[in-house]
mmCIF file of all heavy atoms, coordinates in Angstrom:
data_MODEL
# 
_entry.id   MODEL 
# 
loop_
_atom_site.group_PDB 
_atom_site.id 
_atom_site.type_symbol 
_atom_site.label_atom_id 
_atom_site.label_alt_id 
_atom_site.label_comp_id 
_atom_site.label_asym_id 
_atom_site.label_entity_id 
_atom_site.label_seq_id 
_atom_site.pdbx_PDB_ins_code 
_atom_site.Cartn_x 
_atom_site.Cartn_y 
_atom_site.Cartn_z 
_atom_site.occupancy 
_atom_site.B_iso_or_equiv 
_atom_site.pdbx_formal_charge 
_atom_site.auth_seq_id 
_atom_site.auth_comp_id 
_atom_site.auth_asym_id 
_atom_site.auth_atom_id 
_atom_site.pdbx_PDB_model_num 
ATOM 1   N N   . ASP A 1 1  ? 88.418 108.261 134.487 1.00 0.00 ? 1  ASP A N   1 
ATOM 2   C CA  . ASP A 1 1  ? 87.499 109.334 135.095 1.00 0.00 ? 1  ASP A CA  1 
ATOM 3   C C   . ASP A 1 1  ? 88.220 109.992 136.326 1.00 0.00 ? 1  ASP A C   1 
ATOM 4   O O   . ASP A 1 1  ? 87.484 110.545 137.223 1.00 0.00 ? 1  ASP A O   1 
ATOM 5   C CB  . ASP A 1 1  ? 86.200 108.569 135.568 1.00 0.00 ? 1  ASP A CB  1 
ATOM 6   C CG  . ASP A 1 1  ? 85.441 107.994 134.413 1.00 0.00 ? 1  ASP A CG  1 
ATOM 7   O OD1 . ASP A 1 1  ? 85.448 108.613 133.323 1.00 0.00 ? 1  ASP A OD1 1 
ATOM 8   O OD2 . ASP A 1 1  ? 84.847 106.913 134.580 1.00 0.00 ? 1  ASP A OD2 1 
ATOM 9   N N   . PHE A 1 2  ? 89.502 109.945 136.339 1.00 0.00 ? 2  PHE A N   1 
ATOM 10  C CA  . PHE A 1 2  ? 90.207 110.518 137.550 1.00 0.00 ? 2  PHE A CA  1 
ATOM 11  C C   . PHE A 1 2  ? 89.724 111.875 137.961 1.00 0.00 ? 2  PHE A C   1 
ATOM 12  O O   . PHE A 1 2  ? 89.539 112.178 139.044 1.00 0.00 ? 2  PHE A O   1 
ATOM 13  C CB  . PHE A 1 2  ? 91.652 110.390 137.320 1.00 0.00 ? 2  PHE A CB  1 
ATOM 14  C CG  . PHE A 1 2  ? 92.506 111.105 138.365 1.00 0.00 ? 2  PHE A CG  1 
ATOM 15  C CD1 . PHE A 1 2  ? 92.681 110.508 139.621 1.00 0.00 ? 2  PHE A CD1 1 
ATOM 16  C CD2 . PHE A 1 2  ? 93.146 112.283 138.100 1.00 0.00 ? 2  PHE A CD2 1 
ATOM 17  C CE1 . PHE A 1 2  ? 93.337 111.206 140.596 1.00 0.00 ? 2  PHE A CE1 1 
ATOM 18  C CE2 . PHE A 1 2  ? 93.879 112.932 139.136 1.00 0.00 ? 2  PHE A CE2 1 
ATOM 19  C CZ  . PHE A 1 2  ? 93.980 112.376 140.417 1.00 0.00 ? 2  PHE A CZ  1 
ATOM 20  N N   . TYR A 1 3  ? 89.701 112.706 136.994 1.00 0.00 ? 3  TYR A N   1 
ATOM 21  C CA  . TYR A 1 3  ? 89.335 114.153 137.264 1.00 0.00 ? 3  TYR A CA  1 
ATOM 22  C C   . TYR A 1 3  ? 87.918 114.445 137.523 1.00 0.00 ? 3  TYR A C   1 
ATOM 23  O O   . TYR A 1 3  ? 87.576 115.558 137.718 1.00 0.00 ? 3  TYR A O   1 
ATOM 24  C CB  . TYR A 1 3  ? 89.920 115.019 136.022 1.00 0.00 ? 3  TYR A CB  1 
ATOM 25  C CG  . TYR A 1 3  ? 91.387 115.237 136.145 1.00 0.00 ? 3  TYR A CG  1 
ATOM 26  C CD1 . TYR A 1 3  ? 92.335 114.554 135.308 1.00 0.00 ? 3  TYR A CD1 1 
ATOM 27  C CD2 . TYR A 1 3  ? 91.953 116.211 137.063 1.00 0.00 ? 3  TYR A CD2 1 
ATOM 28  C CE1 . TYR A 1 3  ? 93.597 114.742 135.426 1.00 0.00 ? 3  TYR A CE1 1 
ATOM 29  C CE2 . TYR A 1 3  ? 93.271 116.365 137.157 1.00 0.00 ? 3  TYR A CE2 1 
ATOM 30  C CZ  . TYR A 1 3  ? 94.169 115.681 136.326 1.00 0.00 ? 3  TYR A CZ  1 
ATOM 31  O OH  . TYR A 1 3  ? 95.536 115.905 136.472 1.00 0.00 ? 3  TYR A OH  1 
ATOM 32  N N   . THR A 1 4  ? 87.030 113.404 137.352 1.00 0.00 ? 4  THR A N   1 
ATOM 33  C CA  . THR A 1 4  ? 85.557 113.643 137.605 1.00 0.00 ? 4  THR A CA  1 
ATOM 34  C C   . THR A 1 4  ? 85.008 112.951 138.863 1.00 0.00 ? 4  THR A C   1 
ATOM 35  O O   . THR A 1 4  ? 84.050 113.317 139.313 1.00 0.00 ? 4  THR A O   1 
ATOM 36  C CB  . THR A 1 4  ? 84.774 113.253 136.385 1.00 0.00 ? 4  THR A CB  1 
ATOM 37  O OG1 . THR A 1 4  ? 85.022 111.795 136.046 1.00 0.00 ? 4  THR A OG1 1 
ATOM 38  C CG2 . THR A 1 4  ? 85.215 113.976 135.092 1.00 0.00 ? 4  THR A CG2 1 
ATOM 39  N N   . HIS A 1 5  ? 85.644 111.803 139.271 1.00 0.00 ? 5  HIS A N   1 
ATOM 40  C CA  . HIS A 1 5  ? 85.087 111.146 140.457 1.00 0.00 ? 5  HIS A CA  1 
ATOM 41  C C   . HIS A 1 5  ? 85.594 111.774 141.726 1.00 0.00 ? 5  HIS A C   1 
ATOM 42  O O   . HIS A 1 5  ? 86.434 112.636 141.724 1.00 0.00 ? 5  HIS A O   1 
ATOM 43  C CB  . HIS A 1 5  ? 85.455 109.635 140.355 1.00 0.00 ? 5  HIS A CB  1 
ATOM 44  C CG  . HIS A 1 5  ? 86.910 109.326 140.419 1.00 0.00 ? 5  HIS A CG  1 
ATOM 45  N ND1 . HIS A 1 5  ? 87.642 109.593 141.548 1.00 0.00 ? 5  HIS A ND1 1 
ATOM 46  C CD2 . HIS A 1 5  ? 87.772 108.737 139.540 1.00 0.00 ? 5  HIS A CD2 1 
ATOM 47  C CE1 . HIS A 1 5  ? 88.897 109.227 141.415 1.00 0.00 ? 5  HIS A CE1 1 
ATOM 48  N NE2 . HIS A 1 5  ? 88.970 108.617 140.144 1.00 0.00 ? 5  HIS A NE2 1 
ATOM 49  N N   . TRP A 1 6  ? 85.055 111.293 142.846 1.00 0.00 ? 6  TRP A N   1 
ATOM 50  C CA  . TRP A 1 6  ? 85.343 111.899 144.129 1.00 0.00 ? 6  TRP A CA  1 
ATOM 51  C C   . TRP A 1 6  ? 86.131 110.885 144.995 1.00 0.00 ? 6  TRP A C   1 
ATOM 52  O O   . TRP A 1 6  ? 85.981 110.905 146.239 1.00 0.00 ? 6  TRP A O   1 
ATOM 53  C CB  . TRP A 1 6  ? 84.177 112.439 144.868 1.00 0.00 ? 6  TRP A CB  1 
ATOM 54  C CG  . TRP A 1 6  ? 82.916 111.449 144.706 1.00 0.00 ? 6  TRP A CG  1 
ATOM 55  C CD1 . TRP A 1 6  ? 81.950 111.443 143.630 1.00 0.00 ? 6  TRP A CD1 1 
ATOM 56  C CD2 . TRP A 1 6  ? 82.573 110.431 145.666 1.00 0.00 ? 6  TRP A CD2 1 
ATOM 57  N NE1 . TRP A 1 6  ? 81.031 110.435 143.984 1.00 0.00 ? 6  TRP A NE1 1 
ATOM 58  C CE2 . TRP A 1 6  ? 81.381 109.875 145.137 1.00 0.00 ? 6  TRP A CE2 1 
ATOM 59  C CE3 . TRP A 1 6  ? 83.057 109.988 146.860 1.00 0.00 ? 6  TRP A CE3 1 
ATOM 60  C CZ2 . TRP A 1 6  ? 80.752 108.762 145.745 1.00 0.00 ? 6  TRP A CZ2 1 
ATOM 61  C CZ3 . TRP A 1 6  ? 82.425 108.926 147.494 1.00 0.00 ? 6  TRP A CZ3 1 
ATOM 62  C CH2 . TRP A 1 6  ? 81.213 108.387 146.943 1.00 0.00 ? 6  TRP A CH2 1 
ATOM 63  N N   . GLY A 1 7  ? 86.787 109.963 144.342 1.00 0.00 ? 7  GLY A N   1 
ATOM 64  C CA  . GLY A 1 7  ? 87.624 108.990 145.099 1.00 0.00 ? 7  GLY A CA  1 
ATOM 65  C C   . GLY A 1 7  ? 87.345 107.560 144.843 1.00 0.00 ? 7  GLY A C   1 
ATOM 66  O O   . GLY A 1 7  ? 88.151 106.687 144.921 1.00 0.00 ? 7  GLY A O   1 
ATOM 67  N N   . MET A 1 8  ? 86.020 107.331 144.445 1.00 0.00 ? 8  MET A N   1 
ATOM 68  C CA  . MET A 1 8  ? 85.620 105.977 144.127 1.00 0.00 ? 8  MET A CA  1 
ATOM 69  C C   . MET A 1 8  ? 84.891 106.060 142.762 1.00 0.00 ? 8  MET A C   1 
ATOM 70  O O   . MET A 1 8  ? 84.218 106.929 142.408 1.00 0.00 ? 8  MET A O   1 
ATOM 71  C CB  . MET A 1 8  ? 84.648 105.481 145.225 1.00 0.00 ? 8  MET A CB  1 
ATOM 72  C CG  . MET A 1 8  ? 85.271 105.315 146.531 1.00 0.00 ? 8  MET A CG  1 
ATOM 73  S SD  . MET A 1 8  ? 84.103 104.451 147.719 1.00 0.00 ? 8  MET A SD  1 
ATOM 74  C CE  . MET A 1 8  ? 82.783 105.550 147.769 1.00 0.00 ? 8  MET A CE  1 
ATOM 75  N N   . ASN A 1 9  ? 84.942 104.834 142.101 1.00 0.00 ? 9  ASN A N   1 
ATOM 76  C CA  . ASN A 1 9  ? 84.215 104.672 140.848 1.00 0.00 ? 9  ASN A CA  1 
ATOM 77  C C   . ASN A 1 9  ? 83.043 103.841 141.124 1.00 0.00 ? 9  ASN A C   1 
ATOM 78  O O   . ASN A 1 9  ? 83.062 102.596 141.116 1.00 0.00 ? 9  ASN A O   1 
ATOM 79  C CB  . ASN A 1 9  ? 85.185 104.018 139.776 1.00 0.00 ? 9  ASN A CB  1 
ATOM 80  C CG  . ASN A 1 9  ? 84.520 104.019 138.377 1.00 0.00 ? 9  ASN A CG  1 
ATOM 81  O OD1 . ASN A 1 9  ? 83.281 104.089 138.215 1.00 0.00 ? 9  ASN A OD1 1 
ATOM 82  N ND2 . ASN A 1 9  ? 85.473 103.928 137.451 1.00 0.00 ? 9  ASN A ND2 1 
ATOM 83  N N   . ILE A 1 10 ? 81.947 104.459 141.372 1.00 0.00 ? 10 ILE A N   1 
ATOM 84  C CA  . ILE A 1 10 ? 80.678 103.798 141.785 1.00 0.00 ? 10 ILE A CA  1 
ATOM 85  C C   . ILE A 1 10 ? 80.161 102.737 140.789 1.00 0.00 ? 10 ILE A C   1 
ATOM 86  O O   . ILE A 1 10 ? 79.770 101.646 141.043 1.00 0.00 ? 10 ILE A O   1 
ATOM 87  C CB  . ILE A 1 10 ? 79.568 104.807 142.060 1.00 0.00 ? 10 ILE A CB  1 
ATOM 88  C CG1 . ILE A 1 10 ? 80.014 105.797 143.177 1.00 0.00 ? 10 ILE A CG1 1 
ATOM 89  C CG2 . ILE A 1 10 ? 78.294 104.002 142.448 1.00 0.00 ? 10 ILE A CG2 1 
ATOM 90  C CD1 . ILE A 1 10 ? 80.178 105.110 144.474 1.00 0.00 ? 10 ILE A CD1 1 
ATOM 91  N N   . VAL A 1 11 ? 80.470 103.095 139.420 1.00 0.00 ? 11 VAL A N   1 
ATOM 92  C CA  . VAL A 1 11 ? 79.949 102.186 138.361 1.00 0.00 ? 11 VAL A CA  1 
ATOM 93  C C   . VAL A 1 11 ? 80.714 100.924 138.374 1.00 0.00 ? 11 VAL A C   1 
ATOM 94  O O   . VAL A 1 11 ? 80.187 99.803  138.072 1.00 0.00 ? 11 VAL A O   1 
ATOM 95  C CB  . VAL A 1 11 ? 80.138 102.960 136.958 1.00 0.00 ? 11 VAL A CB  1 
ATOM 96  C CG1 . VAL A 1 11 ? 79.767 101.989 135.874 1.00 0.00 ? 11 VAL A CG1 1 
ATOM 97  C CG2 . VAL A 1 11 ? 79.356 104.230 136.989 1.00 0.00 ? 11 VAL A CG2 1 
ATOM 98  N N   . ALA A 1 12 ? 81.942 100.933 138.806 1.00 0.00 ? 12 ALA A N   1 
ATOM 99  C CA  . ALA A 1 12 ? 82.787 99.722  138.784 1.00 0.00 ? 12 ALA A CA  1 
ATOM 100 C C   . ALA A 1 12 ? 82.640 98.836  140.002 1.00 0.00 ? 12 ALA A C   1 
ATOM 101 O O   . ALA A 1 12 ? 83.063 97.717  139.912 1.00 0.00 ? 12 ALA A O   1 
ATOM 102 C CB  . ALA A 1 12 ? 84.303 100.098 138.571 1.00 0.00 ? 12 ALA A CB  1 
ATOM 103 N N   . ILE A 1 13 ? 82.052 99.381  141.097 1.00 0.00 ? 13 ILE A N   1 
ATOM 104 C CA  . ILE A 1 13 ? 81.975 98.624  142.264 1.00 0.00 ? 13 ILE A CA  1 
ATOM 105 C C   . ILE A 1 13 ? 81.101 97.381  142.165 1.00 0.00 ? 13 ILE A C   1 
ATOM 106 O O   . ILE A 1 13 ? 81.492 96.313  142.598 1.00 0.00 ? 13 ILE A O   1 
ATOM 107 C CB  . ILE A 1 13 ? 81.415 99.497  143.426 1.00 0.00 ? 13 ILE A CB  1 
ATOM 108 C CG1 . ILE A 1 13 ? 82.465 100.646 143.691 1.00 0.00 ? 13 ILE A CG1 1 
ATOM 109 C CG2 . ILE A 1 13 ? 81.093 98.710  144.617 1.00 0.00 ? 13 ILE A CG2 1 
ATOM 110 C CD1 . ILE A 1 13 ? 82.137 101.521 144.848 1.00 0.00 ? 13 ILE A CD1 1 
ATOM 111 N N   . PRO A 1 14 ? 79.873 97.364  141.549 1.00 0.00 ? 14 PRO A N   1 
ATOM 112 C CA  . PRO A 1 14 ? 79.094 96.203  141.396 1.00 0.00 ? 14 PRO A CA  1 
ATOM 113 C C   . PRO A 1 14 ? 79.805 94.988  140.779 1.00 0.00 ? 14 PRO A C   1 
ATOM 114 O O   . PRO A 1 14 ? 79.729 93.935  141.258 1.00 0.00 ? 14 PRO A O   1 
ATOM 115 C CB  . PRO A 1 14 ? 77.852 96.614  140.603 1.00 0.00 ? 14 PRO A CB  1 
ATOM 116 C CG  . PRO A 1 14 ? 77.758 98.139  140.846 1.00 0.00 ? 14 PRO A CG  1 
ATOM 117 C CD  . PRO A 1 14 ? 79.176 98.615  140.958 1.00 0.00 ? 14 PRO A CD  1 
ATOM 118 N N   . LYS A 1 15 ? 80.606 95.304  139.697 1.00 0.00 ? 15 LYS A N   1 
ATOM 119 C CA  . LYS A 1 15 ? 81.289 94.317  139.005 1.00 0.00 ? 15 LYS A CA  1 
ATOM 120 C C   . LYS A 1 15 ? 82.329 93.720  139.990 1.00 0.00 ? 15 LYS A C   1 
ATOM 121 O O   . LYS A 1 15 ? 82.539 92.482  140.011 1.00 0.00 ? 15 LYS A O   1 
ATOM 122 C CB  . LYS A 1 15 ? 81.903 94.916  137.759 1.00 0.00 ? 15 LYS A CB  1 
ATOM 123 C CG  . LYS A 1 15 ? 82.778 93.841  137.026 1.00 0.00 ? 15 LYS A CG  1 
ATOM 124 C CD  . LYS A 1 15 ? 83.480 94.424  135.765 1.00 0.00 ? 15 LYS A CD  1 
ATOM 125 C CE  . LYS A 1 15 ? 84.333 93.447  135.002 1.00 0.00 ? 15 LYS A CE  1 
ATOM 126 N NZ  . LYS A 1 15 ? 85.044 94.086  133.889 1.00 0.00 ? 15 LYS A NZ  1 
ATOM 127 N N   . ALA A 1 16 ? 82.961 94.573  140.793 1.00 0.00 ? 16 ALA A N   1 
ATOM 128 C CA  . ALA A 1 16 ? 84.032 94.007  141.652 1.00 0.00 ? 16 ALA A CA  1 
ATOM 129 C C   . ALA A 1 16 ? 83.410 93.257  142.719 1.00 0.00 ? 16 ALA A C   1 
ATOM 130 O O   . ALA A 1 16 ? 83.957 92.153  143.154 1.00 0.00 ? 16 ALA A O   1 
ATOM 131 C CB  . ALA A 1 16 ? 84.786 95.232  142.300 1.00 0.00 ? 16 ALA A CB  1 
ATOM 132 N N   . VAL A 1 17 ? 82.214 93.656  143.226 1.00 0.00 ? 17 VAL A N   1 
ATOM 133 C CA  . VAL A 1 17 ? 81.603 92.873  144.320 1.00 0.00 ? 17 VAL A CA  1 
ATOM 134 C C   . VAL A 1 17 ? 81.150 91.408  143.822 1.00 0.00 ? 17 VAL A C   1 
ATOM 135 O O   . VAL A 1 17 ? 81.255 90.445  144.507 1.00 0.00 ? 17 VAL A O   1 
ATOM 136 C CB  . VAL A 1 17 ? 80.353 93.627  144.837 1.00 0.00 ? 17 VAL A CB  1 
ATOM 137 C CG1 . VAL A 1 17 ? 79.583 92.712  145.853 1.00 0.00 ? 17 VAL A CG1 1 
ATOM 138 C CG2 . VAL A 1 17 ? 80.750 94.964  145.495 1.00 0.00 ? 17 VAL A CG2 1 
ATOM 139 N N   . ILE A 1 18 ? 80.587 91.414  142.535 1.00 0.00 ? 18 ILE A N   1 
ATOM 140 C CA  . ILE A 1 18 ? 80.177 90.063  142.042 1.00 0.00 ? 18 ILE A CA  1 
ATOM 141 C C   . ILE A 1 18 ? 81.352 89.221  141.855 1.00 0.00 ? 18 ILE A C   1 
ATOM 142 O O   . ILE A 1 18 ? 81.341 87.967  142.209 1.00 0.00 ? 18 ILE A O   1 
ATOM 143 C CB  . ILE A 1 18 ? 79.546 90.274  140.630 1.00 0.00 ? 18 ILE A CB  1 
ATOM 144 C CG1 . ILE A 1 18 ? 78.216 91.102  140.743 1.00 0.00 ? 18 ILE A CG1 1 
ATOM 145 C CG2 . ILE A 1 18 ? 79.382 88.966  139.896 1.00 0.00 ? 18 ILE A CG2 1 
ATOM 146 C CD1 . ILE A 1 18 ? 77.701 91.475  139.422 1.00 0.00 ? 18 ILE A CD1 1 
ATOM 147 N N   . GLN A 1 19 ? 82.537 89.727  141.474 1.00 0.00 ? 19 GLN A N   1 
ATOM 148 C CA  . GLN A 1 19 ? 83.828 88.995  141.346 1.00 0.00 ? 19 GLN A CA  1 
ATOM 149 C C   . GLN A 1 19 ? 84.252 88.476  142.763 1.00 0.00 ? 19 GLN A C   1 
ATOM 150 O O   . GLN A 1 19 ? 84.734 87.393  142.861 1.00 0.00 ? 19 GLN A O   1 
ATOM 151 C CB  . GLN A 1 19 ? 84.958 89.783  140.696 1.00 0.00 ? 19 GLN A CB  1 
ATOM 152 C CG  . GLN A 1 19 ? 84.678 90.086  139.235 1.00 0.00 ? 19 GLN A CG  1 
ATOM 153 C CD  . GLN A 1 19 ? 85.825 90.947  138.705 1.00 0.00 ? 19 GLN A CD  1 
ATOM 154 O OE1 . GLN A 1 19 ? 86.565 91.577  139.415 1.00 0.00 ? 19 GLN A OE1 1 
ATOM 155 N NE2 . GLN A 1 19 ? 85.965 91.016  137.368 1.00 0.00 ? 19 GLN A NE2 1 
ATOM 156 N N   . SER A 1 20 ? 83.960 89.301  143.709 1.00 0.00 ? 20 SER A N   1 
ATOM 157 C CA  . SER A 1 20 ? 84.416 88.877  145.012 1.00 0.00 ? 20 SER A CA  1 
ATOM 158 C C   . SER A 1 20 ? 83.538 87.715  145.604 1.00 0.00 ? 20 SER A C   1 
ATOM 159 O O   . SER A 1 20 ? 84.036 86.831  146.235 1.00 0.00 ? 20 SER A O   1 
ATOM 160 C CB  . SER A 1 20 ? 84.253 90.063  146.049 1.00 0.00 ? 20 SER A CB  1 
ATOM 161 O OG  . SER A 1 20 ? 84.478 89.647  147.365 1.00 0.00 ? 20 SER A OG  1 
ATOM 162 N N   . VAL A 1 21 ? 82.167 87.796  145.272 1.00 0.00 ? 21 VAL A N   1 
ATOM 163 C CA  . VAL A 1 21 ? 81.252 86.727  145.713 1.00 0.00 ? 21 VAL A CA  1 
ATOM 164 C C   . VAL A 1 21 ? 81.612 85.393  145.014 1.00 0.00 ? 21 VAL A C   1 
ATOM 165 O O   . VAL A 1 21 ? 81.572 84.272  145.629 1.00 0.00 ? 21 VAL A O   1 
ATOM 166 C CB  . VAL A 1 21 ? 79.802 87.067  145.501 1.00 0.00 ? 21 VAL A CB  1 
ATOM 167 C CG1 . VAL A 1 21 ? 78.896 85.868  145.632 1.00 0.00 ? 21 VAL A CG1 1 
ATOM 168 C CG2 . VAL A 1 21 ? 79.498 88.308  146.283 1.00 0.00 ? 21 VAL A CG2 1 
ATOM 169 N N   . THR A 1 22 ? 81.907 85.529  143.650 1.00 0.00 ? 22 THR A N   1 
ATOM 170 C CA  . THR A 1 22 ? 82.129 84.257  142.854 1.00 0.00 ? 22 THR A CA  1 
ATOM 171 C C   . THR A 1 22 ? 83.489 83.675  143.071 1.00 0.00 ? 22 THR A C   1 
ATOM 172 O O   . THR A 1 22 ? 83.632 82.473  142.818 1.00 0.00 ? 22 THR A O   1 
ATOM 173 C CB  . THR A 1 22 ? 81.959 84.616  141.370 1.00 0.00 ? 22 THR A CB  1 
ATOM 174 O OG1 . THR A 1 22 ? 82.787 85.636  140.972 1.00 0.00 ? 22 THR A OG1 1 
ATOM 175 C CG2 . THR A 1 22 ? 80.496 85.046  141.078 1.00 0.00 ? 22 THR A CG2 1 
ATOM 176 N N   . ARG A 1 23 ? 84.423 84.502  143.522 1.00 0.00 ? 23 ARG A N   1 
ATOM 177 C CA  . ARG A 1 23 ? 85.756 84.010  143.665 1.00 0.00 ? 23 ARG A CA  1 
ATOM 178 C C   . ARG A 1 23 ? 86.216 83.829  145.176 1.00 0.00 ? 23 ARG A C   1 
ATOM 179 O O   . ARG A 1 23 ? 87.427 83.610  145.464 1.00 0.00 ? 23 ARG A O   1 
ATOM 180 C CB  . ARG A 1 23 ? 86.838 85.012  143.021 1.00 0.00 ? 23 ARG A CB  1 
ATOM 181 C CG  . ARG A 1 23 ? 86.596 85.070  141.483 1.00 0.00 ? 23 ARG A CG  1 
ATOM 182 C CD  . ARG A 1 23 ? 87.522 86.071  140.904 1.00 0.00 ? 23 ARG A CD  1 
ATOM 183 N NE  . ARG A 1 23 ? 87.345 86.219  139.454 1.00 0.00 ? 23 ARG A NE  1 
ATOM 184 C CZ  . ARG A 1 23 ? 87.993 87.089  138.733 1.00 0.00 ? 23 ARG A CZ  1 
ATOM 185 N NH1 . ARG A 1 23 ? 88.977 87.761  139.221 1.00 0.00 ? 23 ARG A NH1 1 
ATOM 186 N NH2 . ARG A 1 23 ? 87.631 87.198  137.428 1.00 0.00 ? 23 ARG A NH2 1 
ATOM 187 N N   . GLY A 1 24 ? 85.356 84.059  145.998 1.00 0.00 ? 24 GLY A N   1 
ATOM 188 C CA  . GLY A 1 24 ? 85.712 83.890  147.424 1.00 0.00 ? 24 GLY A CA  1 
ATOM 189 C C   . GLY A 1 24 ? 85.894 85.319  148.142 1.00 0.00 ? 24 GLY A C   1 
ATOM 190 O O   . GLY A 1 24 ? 85.118 86.185  147.771 1.00 0.00 ? 24 GLY A O   1 
# 
């Protein structure tokens, strides 16, 4: 989605945060 987002991929952030909580 490089040409459509504004610097961040909001949809992918929740998944990354959950991984951060579960993995430290």
